[in-house]
């Protein structure tokens, strides 16, 4: 008999539950990757919506003169958009930064408002269907933005409407995927697992930058249409394969264990009609996972006494908004995330344009270089999770990274004075320190608080708590790009002073929790959120 290949040995070493965990981890990772992939193109296309018209005019003049001097000149086919209009109206005006900032603000403000409602709605609807509808509609609105190029639309109102609508439907994503991943993975090594899983944010940003950058100079409409089709396709995958909770598989297991058998069951109303009593036998394998009634049959001798289990029809009700706010640590981490996400999203929406202006690179090169910030974010998120698991101090881990991020931001403001090598290093370090606390709070901390001991086992709070934390953070995400658009008119230095101020405010909001962790007599995981 031939030996079993080592790869097959590895496969069979995992049980069925582990395979389902792996499926949920990978699927939710890919689902939210597509969300961020569809958000990134706007930051890449900004430099194309408003170009340096003088340099474009000079290039057009040189091209036309060389063409006219050629003896074998041939008529060139007409293009959809001529080079004479070097900027896309209405972003060709001197206040283009404010217009671009307003477009970011419209998306992020709608996202922040919608997030508070999304968690409450998602707690009461099937997550799989809720997430599927959100992804399909998000794909629709992302494609609509790109169709503005195809159909030569120059109305600011059109682009604002698309951004607002897209911001609202994208709120279906985060509470849903965090709830799913938390249902499948317990608190053990949650920081590491969530840190690895949360790299989908940076992976989505990287892929979005590369996809948008590929078409940005030739046809920026495709920079939106392709990501829109991708997130819609992932919505269909979500509908067919997402498993919300391990308990959803219990009915499948029960049916497969004894197909075709029917077991007699007796039931009657209990006191006041509020409960039911179910009768089942011990040798029956099809009983529900949460009711087990052991009574002997006449033909089968079972050496046990009859046991009756009473099942209450009512399930724990979903937590209210104010009830979620009363969970210890929710308010502090929510406000901290407001300022941390302000910094992160300012980079998300303005970094490629800043590199274009400060380092004097074209749109594609700036977009490719900006992906290094997200690579650093992947490493920072994983490190934050591992360190917080090891030390058992979530707030302290965030505070240290926030403290180190401030001088890094100051150094990054002088990027125009660096060469390519130092710029790459600064992008990696800055991405890790900025996105590390943001990743930790939105994943491991949110999951910890959503399963806080004060909830007494009520699992129907995770989506609401996650939405409150991320919704508050999204307020900062909306303010950051807006303030960057206003302050950049007076110079990029003012933008970085604003980012450093936000970083210190995030640090201050965690001081009470940090003090509690450091003065605790025990070092145990998640001490400030238990």
Protein backbone atom coordinates (compact mmCIF):
# COMPACT_ATOMS: atom_id res chain seq x y z
CA UNK A 1 0.00 0.00 0.00
CA UNK A 2 1.39 3.37 -1.03
CA UNK A 3 1.92 5.99 1.71
CA UNK A 4 -0.62 8.80 1.98
CA UNK A 5 0.77 12.08 0.58
CA UNK A 6 1.65 14.66 3.25
CA UNK A 7 -0.77 17.19 1.80
CA UNK A 8 -3.68 14.77 2.22
CA UNK A 9 -2.53 14.01 5.76
CA UNK A 10 -2.71 17.73 6.48
CA UNK A 11 -6.22 17.98 5.07
CA UNK A 12 -7.62 15.07 7.06
CA UNK A 13 -6.00 16.33 10.27
CA UNK A 14 -8.62 19.09 10.43
CA UNK A 15 -12.12 18.29 11.55
CA UNK A 16 -15.30 19.57 9.96
CA UNK A 17 -15.70 22.56 12.28
CA UNK A 18 -12.15 23.72 11.53
CA UNK A 19 -12.84 23.63 7.81
CA UNK A 20 -15.97 25.72 8.30
CA UNK A 21 -13.96 28.18 10.39
CA UNK A 22 -11.39 28.45 7.61
CA UNK A 23 -14.18 29.01 5.06
CA UNK A 24 -15.73 31.78 7.16
CA UNK A 25 -12.34 33.44 7.75
CA UNK A 26 -11.41 33.45 4.06
CA UNK A 27 -14.87 34.38 2.80
CA UNK A 28 -15.41 37.33 5.15
CA UNK A 29 -11.84 38.44 4.40
CA UNK A 30 -12.59 38.53 0.67
CA UNK A 31 -16.00 40.15 1.16
CA UNK A 32 -14.64 43.15 3.03
CA UNK A 33 -11.60 43.33 0.76
CA UNK A 34 -14.05 44.07 -2.04
CA UNK A 35 -15.64 46.85 0.04
CA UNK A 36 -12.35 48.69 0.42
CA UNK A 37 -11.37 47.89 -3.14
CA UNK A 38 -14.43 49.83 -4.30
CA UNK A 39 -13.70 52.82 -2.02
CA UNK A 40 -10.11 53.40 -3.09
CA UNK A 41 -10.51 54.55 -6.74
CA UNK A 42 -11.69 58.06 -5.83
CA UNK A 43 -8.34 58.87 -4.23
CA UNK A 44 -6.48 57.66 -7.33
CA UNK A 45 -8.72 59.49 -9.79
CA UNK A 46 -8.52 62.84 -7.98
CA UNK A 47 -5.25 63.76 -9.68
CA UNK A 48 -6.90 63.03 -13.03
CA UNK A 49 -10.02 65.05 -12.27
CA UNK A 50 -7.79 68.09 -11.79
CA UNK A 51 -4.51 68.13 -13.69
CA UNK A 52 -1.71 70.66 -14.00
CA UNK A 53 -3.19 72.34 -17.07
CA UNK A 54 -0.04 74.27 -17.98
CA UNK A 55 2.07 71.13 -18.37
CA UNK A 56 -0.69 69.39 -20.32
CA UNK A 57 -0.98 72.38 -22.67
CA UNK A 58 2.76 72.40 -23.27
CA UNK A 59 2.71 68.69 -24.02
CA UNK A 60 -0.21 69.10 -26.42
CA UNK A 61 1.59 71.98 -28.21
CA UNK A 62 4.77 69.94 -28.64
CA UNK A 63 2.79 66.99 -29.95
CA UNK A 64 0.83 69.06 -32.46
CA UNK A 65 3.94 70.83 -33.76
CA UNK A 66 5.78 67.55 -34.28
CA UNK A 67 2.75 66.10 -36.02
CA UNK A 68 2.40 69.07 -38.40
CA UNK A 69 6.06 68.89 -39.41
CA UNK A 70 5.74 65.23 -40.39
CA UNK A 71 5.46 64.57 -44.13
CA UNK A 72 3.34 61.48 -43.65
CA UNK A 73 0.77 62.98 -41.35
CA UNK A 74 -2.44 60.94 -40.99
CA UNK A 75 -5.74 61.91 -39.42
CA UNK A 76 -6.01 60.52 -35.91
CA UNK A 77 -9.31 59.06 -34.75
CA UNK A 78 -11.35 61.34 -32.50
CA UNK A 79 -11.11 60.57 -28.77
CA UNK A 80 -13.99 60.54 -26.37
CA UNK A 81 -12.47 63.37 -24.31
CA UNK A 82 -9.99 65.81 -25.83
CA UNK A 83 -6.77 66.87 -24.19
CA UNK A 84 -7.77 70.53 -24.40
CA UNK A 85 -10.02 69.97 -21.39
CA UNK A 86 -7.15 68.94 -19.15
CA UNK A 87 -9.35 68.85 -16.02
CA UNK A 88 -12.75 67.25 -15.60
CA UNK A 89 -15.47 69.83 -15.07
CA UNK A 90 -16.57 70.95 -12.50
CA UNK A 91 -13.20 70.17 -10.87
CA UNK A 92 -11.31 72.49 -13.23
CA UNK A 93 -11.83 75.55 -11.04
CA UNK A 94 -9.39 77.03 -8.54
CA UNK A 95 -11.45 75.66 -5.61
CA UNK A 96 -11.04 72.08 -6.84
CA UNK A 97 -9.61 70.95 -3.48
CA UNK A 98 -12.76 72.05 -1.68
CA UNK A 99 -14.94 70.32 -4.29
CA UNK A 100 -12.99 67.08 -4.00
CA UNK A 101 -13.10 67.36 -0.22
CA UNK A 102 -16.87 67.87 -0.34
CA UNK A 103 -17.21 64.73 -2.44
CA UNK A 104 -15.27 62.74 0.16
CA UNK A 105 -17.30 64.31 2.93
CA UNK A 106 -20.61 63.40 1.31
CA UNK A 107 -19.60 59.70 1.20
CA UNK A 108 -18.14 59.58 4.69
CA UNK A 109 -20.89 61.60 6.35
CA UNK A 110 -23.53 59.30 4.88
CA UNK A 111 -21.42 56.34 5.98
CA UNK A 112 -21.16 57.66 9.55
CA UNK A 113 -24.88 58.35 9.87
CA UNK A 114 -25.86 55.09 8.23
CA UNK A 115 -23.51 53.05 10.41
CA UNK A 116 -25.48 53.79 13.59
CA UNK A 117 -28.64 52.51 11.91
CA UNK A 118 -26.94 49.62 10.16
CA UNK A 119 -25.93 47.84 13.36
CA UNK A 120 -29.44 48.06 14.80
CA UNK A 121 -31.00 46.81 11.53
CA UNK A 122 -28.40 44.09 11.05
CA UNK A 123 -29.08 42.73 14.54
CA UNK A 124 -32.66 42.03 13.50
CA UNK A 125 -32.21 40.67 9.95
CA UNK A 126 -30.41 37.64 8.48
CA UNK A 127 -26.83 38.79 8.06
CA UNK A 128 -26.26 36.86 4.84
CA UNK A 129 -29.18 38.50 3.04
CA UNK A 130 -28.47 41.92 4.53
CA UNK A 131 -24.84 41.79 3.41
CA UNK A 132 -25.73 40.49 -0.07
CA UNK A 133 -28.15 43.34 -0.77
CA UNK A 134 -25.62 45.87 0.49
CA UNK A 135 -22.85 44.56 -1.76
CA UNK A 136 -25.04 44.44 -4.88
CA UNK A 137 -26.27 48.01 -4.41
CA UNK A 138 -22.75 49.22 -3.58
CA UNK A 139 -21.54 47.71 -6.84
CA UNK A 140 -24.32 49.53 -8.66
CA UNK A 141 -23.44 52.97 -7.27
CA UNK A 142 -19.69 52.45 -7.74
CA UNK A 143 -20.32 51.67 -11.41
CA UNK A 144 -22.57 54.73 -11.70
CA UNK A 145 -19.67 56.99 -10.72
CA UNK A 146 -17.56 55.50 -13.52
CA UNK A 147 -20.41 55.90 -16.00
CA UNK A 148 -20.08 59.64 -15.44
CA UNK A 149 -16.97 59.44 -17.60
CA UNK A 150 -18.60 57.27 -20.25
CA UNK A 151 -21.62 59.56 -20.64
CA UNK A 152 -19.64 62.79 -20.17
CA UNK A 153 -21.50 63.93 -17.03
CA UNK A 154 -20.15 67.13 -15.47
CA UNK A 155 -22.76 67.75 -12.78
CA UNK A 156 -21.38 68.00 -9.25
CA UNK A 157 -24.81 67.03 -7.92
CA UNK A 158 -24.64 63.69 -9.75
CA UNK A 159 -21.33 62.72 -8.18
CA UNK A 160 -22.45 63.92 -4.73
CA UNK A 161 -25.65 61.85 -4.99
CA UNK A 162 -23.72 58.72 -5.99
CA UNK A 163 -21.28 59.21 -3.11
CA UNK A 164 -24.07 59.66 -0.55
CA UNK A 165 -25.98 56.61 -1.78
CA UNK A 166 -22.83 54.49 -1.86
CA UNK A 167 -21.87 55.61 1.63
CA UNK A 168 -25.24 54.50 3.01
CA UNK A 169 -25.26 51.03 1.45
CA UNK A 170 -21.63 50.35 2.35
CA UNK A 171 -22.55 50.48 6.04
CA UNK A 172 -24.02 47.00 5.68
CA UNK A 173 -20.50 45.55 5.47
CA UNK A 174 -18.57 46.09 8.66
CA UNK A 175 -21.09 45.12 11.37
CA UNK A 176 -22.03 42.03 9.36
CA UNK A 177 -18.55 40.63 8.79
CA UNK A 178 -17.35 41.40 12.35
CA UNK A 179 -20.41 39.65 13.77
CA UNK A 180 -19.80 36.59 11.57
CA UNK A 181 -16.10 36.26 12.38
CA UNK A 182 -16.75 36.78 16.10
CA UNK A 183 -19.46 34.10 16.08
CA UNK A 184 -16.94 31.57 14.79
CA UNK A 185 -13.83 32.54 16.79
CA UNK A 186 -13.74 32.93 20.57
CA UNK A 187 -11.59 35.22 22.70
CA UNK A 188 -8.54 32.98 22.58
CA UNK A 189 -5.84 34.69 20.47
CA UNK A 190 -8.50 37.07 19.19
CA UNK A 191 -5.96 39.86 18.70
CA UNK A 192 -3.80 37.73 16.39
CA UNK A 193 -6.74 36.29 14.46
CA UNK A 194 -8.40 39.69 14.07
CA UNK A 195 -5.09 41.33 13.19
CA UNK A 196 -4.52 38.86 10.37
CA UNK A 197 -8.14 39.07 9.27
CA UNK A 198 -8.24 42.88 9.37
CA UNK A 199 -5.47 43.05 6.77
CA UNK A 200 -8.35 42.88 4.28
CA UNK A 201 -8.59 46.66 4.69
CA UNK A 202 -5.08 47.22 3.40
CA UNK A 203 -5.29 44.43 0.82
CA UNK A 204 -8.46 46.04 -0.55
CA UNK A 205 -6.79 49.44 -0.66
CA UNK A 206 -3.77 48.00 -2.47
CA UNK A 207 -5.85 46.15 -5.05
CA UNK A 208 -8.10 49.17 -5.48
CA UNK A 209 -5.08 51.40 -6.09
CA UNK A 210 -3.59 49.01 -8.64
CA UNK A 211 -6.87 48.48 -10.50
CA UNK A 212 -7.76 52.17 -10.53
CA UNK A 213 -4.20 53.16 -11.43
CA UNK A 214 -4.20 50.85 -14.44
CA UNK A 215 -6.96 52.83 -16.17
CA UNK A 216 -6.69 56.23 -14.49
CA UNK A 217 -4.80 57.97 -17.31
CA UNK A 218 -6.60 56.35 -20.23
CA UNK A 219 -10.20 55.86 -19.06
CA UNK A 220 -10.82 56.68 -15.41
CA UNK A 221 -14.42 55.47 -15.71
CA UNK A 222 -13.13 51.88 -15.71
CA UNK A 223 -11.30 52.67 -12.45
CA UNK A 224 -14.76 52.60 -10.86
CA UNK A 225 -16.68 50.18 -13.09
CA UNK A 226 -14.29 47.26 -12.59
CA UNK A 227 -14.27 47.49 -8.74
CA UNK A 228 -18.05 47.92 -8.83
CA UNK A 229 -18.46 44.69 -10.77
CA UNK A 230 -16.09 42.90 -8.39
CA UNK A 231 -18.00 43.84 -5.22
CA UNK A 232 -21.30 42.88 -6.88
CA UNK A 233 -19.84 39.49 -7.83
CA UNK A 234 -18.67 38.97 -4.25
CA UNK A 235 -22.19 39.78 -3.08
CA UNK A 236 -23.46 36.81 -5.09
CA UNK A 237 -20.74 34.61 -3.55
CA UNK A 238 -21.86 35.82 -0.11
CA UNK A 239 -25.45 34.76 -0.80
CA UNK A 240 -24.45 31.21 -1.69
CA UNK A 241 -21.73 30.46 0.86
CA UNK A 242 -21.77 32.68 3.99
CA UNK A 243 -22.59 30.84 7.24
CA UNK A 244 -23.56 33.32 9.94
CA UNK A 245 -23.18 31.13 13.02
CA UNK A 246 -21.97 27.60 13.84
CA UNK A 247 -25.44 26.78 15.16
CA UNK A 248 -26.84 27.26 11.64
CA UNK A 249 -25.20 23.94 10.71
CA UNK A 250 -26.88 21.94 13.48
CA UNK A 251 -29.99 21.22 11.45
CA UNK A 252 -27.87 19.92 8.56
CA UNK A 253 -25.94 17.62 10.91
CA UNK A 254 -29.18 16.31 12.39
CA UNK A 255 -30.72 15.57 8.98
CA UNK A 256 -27.59 13.81 7.74
CA UNK A 257 -27.26 11.64 10.85
CA UNK A 258 -30.51 9.71 10.25
CA UNK A 259 -32.15 10.63 6.95
CA UNK A 260 -35.65 9.44 6.29
CA UNK A 261 -36.48 8.68 9.91
CA UNK A 262 -39.29 10.35 11.79
CA UNK A 263 -39.44 10.19 15.56
CA UNK A 264 -42.70 10.62 17.42
CA UNK A 265 -42.75 13.76 19.51
CA UNK A 266 -45.35 14.96 21.96
CA UNK A 267 -45.82 18.58 22.96
CA UNK A 268 -48.31 20.66 24.86
CA UNK A 269 -48.61 24.20 26.14
CA UNK A 270 -47.06 24.95 29.50
CA UNK A 271 -47.91 27.55 32.07
CA UNK A 272 -49.85 30.45 30.59
CA UNK A 273 -49.05 29.11 27.13
CA UNK A 274 -45.55 30.60 27.22
CA UNK A 275 -43.57 27.38 27.07
CA UNK A 276 -43.69 24.01 25.40
CA UNK A 277 -42.57 20.59 26.56
CA UNK A 278 -40.94 18.38 23.92
CA UNK A 279 -40.69 14.56 24.32
CA UNK A 280 -37.88 12.71 22.59
CA UNK A 281 -35.99 9.47 23.25
CA UNK A 282 -32.35 8.99 24.05
CA UNK A 283 -31.67 6.70 21.10
CA UNK A 284 -33.04 9.31 18.73
CA UNK A 285 -30.27 11.26 16.96
CA UNK A 286 -32.46 13.89 15.36
CA UNK A 287 -33.32 15.96 18.39
CA UNK A 288 -32.79 19.69 18.29
CA UNK A 289 -29.44 20.89 19.60
CA UNK A 290 -31.02 22.94 22.37
CA UNK A 291 -33.65 20.48 23.61
CA UNK A 292 -32.98 16.92 24.76
CA UNK A 293 -35.75 14.94 26.45
CA UNK A 294 -34.93 11.46 27.59
CA UNK A 295 -37.88 9.06 28.08
CA UNK A 296 -37.80 5.26 27.56
CA UNK A 297 -39.93 3.58 24.93
CA UNK A 298 -41.80 0.35 25.59
CA UNK A 299 -39.68 -1.63 23.18
CA UNK A 300 -36.34 -0.20 24.33
CA UNK A 301 -34.92 -0.37 27.84
CA UNK A 302 -33.00 2.74 28.82
CA UNK A 303 -31.43 2.59 32.31
CA UNK A 304 -31.99 6.27 33.10
CA UNK A 305 -34.68 8.26 34.79
CA UNK A 306 -36.93 10.42 32.60
CA UNK A 307 -35.69 13.96 32.19
CA UNK A 308 -37.92 16.77 31.01
CA UNK A 309 -36.42 19.94 29.56
CA UNK A 310 -38.58 22.99 29.27
CA UNK A 311 -37.74 25.32 26.40
CA UNK A 312 -38.74 28.94 26.46
CA UNK A 313 -40.01 30.24 23.14
CA UNK A 314 -38.65 33.73 23.65
CA UNK A 315 -35.04 34.46 22.60
CA UNK A 316 -32.84 37.18 24.08
CA UNK A 317 -33.86 40.51 22.60
CA UNK A 318 -31.40 42.63 20.66
CA UNK A 319 -29.68 45.25 22.78
CA UNK A 320 -30.80 48.87 22.53
CA UNK A 321 -28.57 51.73 21.44
CA UNK A 322 -28.36 53.19 24.97
CA UNK A 323 -27.79 49.76 26.43
CA UNK A 324 -24.77 49.29 24.19
CA UNK A 325 -23.38 52.70 25.23
CA UNK A 326 -23.51 51.64 28.88
CA UNK A 327 -21.05 48.79 28.29
CA UNK A 328 -17.78 49.83 30.00
CA UNK A 329 -15.20 51.02 27.48
CA UNK A 330 -17.52 51.58 24.51
CA UNK A 331 -17.53 55.38 24.78
CA UNK A 332 -13.76 55.73 25.29
CA UNK A 333 -12.80 53.46 22.43
CA UNK A 334 -15.45 55.00 20.16
CA UNK A 335 -14.12 58.53 20.68
CA UNK A 336 -10.53 57.33 20.35
CA UNK A 337 -11.42 55.71 17.04
CA UNK A 338 -12.97 58.98 15.88
CA UNK A 339 -9.56 60.66 15.87
CA UNK A 340 -7.60 57.56 14.83
CA UNK A 341 -9.86 57.03 11.83
CA UNK A 342 -9.65 60.74 10.99
CA UNK A 343 -5.91 60.28 10.44
CA UNK A 344 -6.25 56.97 8.60
CA UNK A 345 -8.94 58.12 6.18
CA UNK A 346 -7.17 61.39 5.45
CA UNK A 347 -4.30 59.27 4.15
CA UNK A 348 -6.73 56.96 2.34
CA UNK A 349 -8.32 59.78 0.34
CA UNK A 350 -5.48 62.32 0.01
CA UNK A 351 -2.18 60.43 0.05
CA UNK A 352 -1.91 59.82 -3.74
CA UNK A 353 -2.67 63.48 -4.48
CA UNK A 354 -0.16 64.62 -1.83
CA UNK A 355 2.55 62.39 -3.34
CA UNK A 356 1.71 63.76 -6.79
CA UNK A 357 2.13 67.37 -5.64
CA UNK A 358 5.00 66.93 -3.16
CA UNK A 359 7.10 64.33 -4.96
CA UNK A 360 6.12 65.49 -8.47
CA UNK A 361 5.03 62.07 -9.73
CA UNK A 362 2.28 61.21 -12.18
CA UNK A 363 -1.04 59.72 -11.03
CA UNK A 364 -0.14 56.09 -11.68
CA UNK A 365 3.25 56.21 -9.94
CA UNK A 366 1.77 58.07 -6.98
CA UNK A 367 -1.02 55.49 -6.69
CA UNK A 368 1.45 52.61 -6.80
CA UNK A 369 3.71 54.25 -4.20
CA UNK A 370 0.77 54.94 -1.88
CA UNK A 371 0.13 51.18 -1.59
CA UNK A 372 3.22 50.95 0.65
CA UNK A 373 1.26 52.82 3.32
CA UNK A 374 -1.28 49.98 3.27
CA UNK A 375 1.47 47.34 3.35
CA UNK A 376 2.70 48.96 6.56
CA UNK A 377 -0.89 48.94 7.80
CA UNK A 378 -1.09 45.16 7.40
CA UNK A 379 2.05 44.66 9.50
CA UNK A 380 0.90 47.23 12.08
CA UNK A 381 -2.51 45.61 12.52
CA UNK A 382 -1.01 42.14 13.04
CA UNK A 383 1.63 43.44 15.47
CA UNK A 384 -0.99 45.33 17.47
CA UNK A 385 -3.07 42.17 17.79
CA UNK A 386 -0.15 39.94 18.79
CA UNK A 387 1.23 42.41 21.34
CA UNK A 388 -2.17 43.05 22.92
CA UNK A 389 -2.77 39.29 23.19
CA UNK A 390 0.62 38.77 24.80
CA UNK A 391 0.38 41.66 27.27
CA UNK A 392 -3.38 41.46 27.83
CA UNK A 393 -3.58 45.25 27.42
CA UNK A 394 -5.54 46.49 24.41
CA UNK A 395 -5.68 50.17 25.40
CA UNK A 396 -1.98 50.37 26.30
CA UNK A 397 -0.99 48.84 22.97
CA UNK A 398 -3.06 51.44 21.10
CA UNK A 399 -1.67 54.29 23.21
CA UNK A 400 1.97 53.39 22.57
CA UNK A 401 1.41 53.20 18.81
CA UNK A 402 -0.43 56.52 18.82
CA UNK A 403 2.43 58.11 20.76
CA UNK A 404 4.99 56.90 18.23
CA UNK A 405 2.84 57.93 15.27
CA UNK A 406 3.00 61.68 16.01
CA UNK A 407 6.73 62.25 15.23
CA UNK A 408 6.40 59.92 12.25
CA UNK A 409 3.64 62.14 10.85
CA UNK A 410 5.88 65.17 11.25
CA UNK A 411 8.66 63.45 9.35
CA UNK A 412 6.26 62.43 6.64
CA UNK A 413 5.32 66.07 6.08
CA UNK A 414 8.83 66.64 4.71
CA UNK A 415 8.54 63.89 2.09
CA UNK A 416 9.47 66.27 -0.73
CA UNK A 417 12.97 66.61 0.77
CA UNK A 418 13.57 62.85 0.84
CA UNK A 419 14.82 60.53 -1.81
CA UNK A 420 12.88 57.49 -2.97
CA UNK A 421 14.40 55.12 -0.37
CA UNK A 422 13.56 57.17 2.75
CA UNK A 423 10.11 57.88 1.33
CA UNK A 424 9.38 54.17 1.00
CA UNK A 425 10.57 53.53 4.57
CA UNK A 426 8.50 56.42 5.92
CA UNK A 427 5.37 55.15 4.13
CA UNK A 428 5.78 51.67 5.67
CA UNK A 429 6.42 52.91 9.22
CA UNK A 430 3.71 55.56 9.11
CA UNK A 431 1.17 53.06 7.74
CA UNK A 432 1.91 50.61 10.56
CA UNK A 433 1.66 53.14 13.38
CA UNK A 434 -1.43 54.89 12.01
CA UNK A 435 -3.45 51.79 11.06
CA UNK A 436 -2.36 49.58 13.98
CA UNK A 437 -4.62 51.18 16.64
CA UNK A 438 -7.40 51.68 14.10
CA UNK A 439 -7.32 47.98 13.17
CA UNK A 440 -7.19 46.79 16.78
CA UNK A 441 -10.14 48.91 17.95
CA UNK A 442 -12.41 48.07 15.02
CA UNK A 443 -11.83 44.31 15.30
CA UNK A 444 -10.61 42.70 18.54
CA UNK A 445 -11.77 45.48 20.87
CA UNK A 446 -15.21 45.68 19.19
CA UNK A 447 -15.62 41.91 19.44
CA UNK A 448 -14.54 41.94 23.09
CA UNK A 449 -17.01 44.67 24.00
CA UNK A 450 -19.80 43.02 22.00
CA UNK A 451 -19.40 39.92 24.18
CA UNK A 452 -18.81 41.78 27.45
CA UNK A 453 -19.63 39.92 30.67
CA UNK A 454 -22.20 42.59 31.58
CA UNK A 455 -24.34 41.29 28.69
CA UNK A 456 -24.81 37.98 30.57
CA UNK A 457 -24.46 35.84 27.49
CA UNK A 458 -26.71 37.86 25.19
CA UNK A 459 -25.06 37.41 21.79
CA UNK A 460 -27.39 39.86 20.07
CA UNK A 461 -25.30 42.92 20.91
CA UNK A 462 -22.21 42.41 18.79
CA UNK A 463 -23.50 44.06 15.63
CA UNK A 464 -24.85 47.10 17.51
CA UNK A 465 -21.64 47.62 19.53
CA UNK A 466 -19.51 47.25 16.40
CA UNK A 467 -21.68 49.76 14.56
CA UNK A 468 -21.49 52.31 17.40
CA UNK A 469 -17.69 52.12 17.56
CA UNK A 470 -17.16 52.18 13.81
CA UNK A 471 -19.94 54.75 13.29
CA UNK A 472 -18.29 57.15 15.73
CA UNK A 473 -14.98 56.51 14.03
CA UNK A 474 -16.62 57.26 10.69
CA UNK A 475 -17.49 60.74 11.93
CA UNK A 476 -13.76 61.34 12.14
CA UNK A 477 -13.30 59.66 8.78
CA UNK A 478 -15.73 62.21 7.33
CA UNK A 479 -14.11 65.20 9.03
CA UNK A 480 -10.52 64.29 8.12
CA UNK A 481 -10.73 64.48 4.32
CA UNK A 482 -12.99 67.54 4.55
CA UNK A 483 -10.53 69.40 6.79
CA UNK A 484 -7.66 68.26 4.56
CA UNK A 485 -9.39 69.78 1.55
CA UNK A 486 -9.87 73.09 3.36
CA UNK A 487 -6.45 73.28 5.03
CA UNK A 488 -4.43 72.15 2.01
CA UNK A 489 -5.28 75.44 0.30
CA UNK A 490 -2.93 77.10 2.79
CA UNK A 491 -0.23 74.46 2.43
CA UNK A 492 0.20 70.77 3.21
CA UNK A 493 1.97 71.57 6.51
CA UNK A 494 -1.36 72.63 8.02
CA UNK A 495 -2.86 69.26 7.10
CA UNK A 496 -0.11 67.40 8.98
CA UNK A 497 -0.47 69.65 12.04
CA UNK A 498 -4.16 68.73 12.06
CA UNK A 499 -3.28 65.02 11.83
CA UNK A 500 -0.80 65.24 14.71
CA UNK A 501 -3.38 67.05 16.86
CA UNK A 502 -5.93 64.32 16.17
CA UNK A 503 -3.35 61.69 17.07
CA UNK A 504 -2.68 63.28 20.48
CA UNK A 505 -6.41 63.63 21.20
CA UNK A 506 -6.91 59.92 20.48
CA UNK A 507 -4.11 59.20 22.94
CA UNK A 508 -5.65 61.39 25.66
CA UNK A 509 -9.01 59.62 25.39
CA UNK A 510 -7.37 56.30 26.25
CA UNK A 511 -5.49 57.51 29.33
CA UNK A 512 -8.14 56.35 31.82
CA UNK A 513 -8.22 52.86 30.33
CA UNK A 514 -4.43 52.74 30.13
CA UNK A 515 -4.16 53.72 33.80
CA UNK A 516 -6.66 51.01 34.70
CA UNK A 517 -4.66 48.40 32.80
CA UNK A 518 -1.28 49.40 34.24
CA UNK A 519 -2.52 49.53 37.83
CA UNK A 520 -4.34 46.21 37.56
CA UNK A 521 -2.91 43.53 39.82
CA UNK A 522 -3.43 40.89 37.13
CA UNK A 523 -2.20 40.86 33.56
CA UNK A 524 -4.92 39.17 31.63
CA UNK A 525 -6.31 39.66 28.13
CA UNK A 526 -8.76 42.47 27.53
CA UNK A 527 -8.65 43.70 31.10
CA UNK A 528 -10.27 47.05 30.34
CA UNK A 529 -13.14 45.64 28.35
CA UNK A 530 -14.23 42.72 30.49
